[in-house]
Amino acid sequence: MQLLVLAILYYAVYVPSIVWNKQLDSVQILPVYMVGGVLAYVVSGIWNYAVYSKSAILSGLINSVIMFATVIAYAQHGAPIIVISGLMRFGVLTVSPVADLVMGTRPSVLSIIALSIAGLAVVIMVGKDPWTAMPEISAECIATYIALYFFRLLILKLAKRRGVESRGLSFIGAEQGVTVLSGILMVTAACIYSAHIRKGYGLFDDYRAWGAGAFAQFAGVFGSMILLLPGSHTRNVTINRIASIMAAVTAAAWVGQKIPVTHRVGVGFLILAFVVLSFDKKKIELK
């Protein structure tokens, strides 16, 4: 039940973040986006639980760059939401069993089956040649996203071996604190470098810029909770990515992008993958 609740919460907060990001359709969202993230971090109260460690700090730093790459990829004019989300998620689905292999973890058969079904769903959804409609900078952000996520998975696995599941909120509070702080520093540097991004401060009166950052911050919390569940990354990443892709499909429909038959078929496969995971009997509670 806890697994289902976390997946639903992750989906619920990620949808509006993607929608508002895409509606503004510009990297100028970044300054106000980050301020919204900081406010959400403070209001959530998760900072009260923070216990800083090397792994939490490193994961937070990597997470901040992942967040930037995601915002920039979605914010490019004409960038298709589902294709970008699908390529990012397919990449992470691919590297998750590799991370398990590197760290000596053996995923369950059901996890591997579910991951394969989810991967097939993404392939169906993105089409034969997804790069043709892709802005170059979005493609670069996708590659950065996947590479950094691999290293983040390795760090999380090391943290789990040190018993972080028993103090999950302590780790997440520290990780997310580093994420928002480093994010603010990165935005400040970007504003110094780019007059175009500096104009984003004019979006302070637009609730969508605040909301996109705030809801993305909540998504970061719930997403980390899923990844820190006991068990293999193959299983946990599959759960996380299913919720994420479903959020992207919902967001695409919300902003008026066409949802072709292939995307609907892909959603059916994602639901099937989640059903398969529901039969995995390993313990999946975050204390």
Foldseek 3Di string as FASTA:
>chain_A
DVLVVLLVLLLVLQQLLLQLLLVQLALLLQQLLLVLQVVLLVVVVLLVLADDDPLLLVLLLLVLLLVSLVSVLSSHPQRQLLLLLLLLLLLQLVLQVVLCVVVVHDADPLLVVLSVLLNVLSDLQCDDDNCVRGDPSSVVSSVSNSVSSNVNLNSLVVCVVVVCLQSVSNSLSSSLVSSSVVSNVVLVVVVVVDVRSVCSVVCNVPVSSSSSSSSVSSSSSSLSLLSNWPGGSSRSSLSSSLSSSVSSLSSCVVNPHDQDPSNVVSNVSSVVSVVSSVPPPDDGDRD
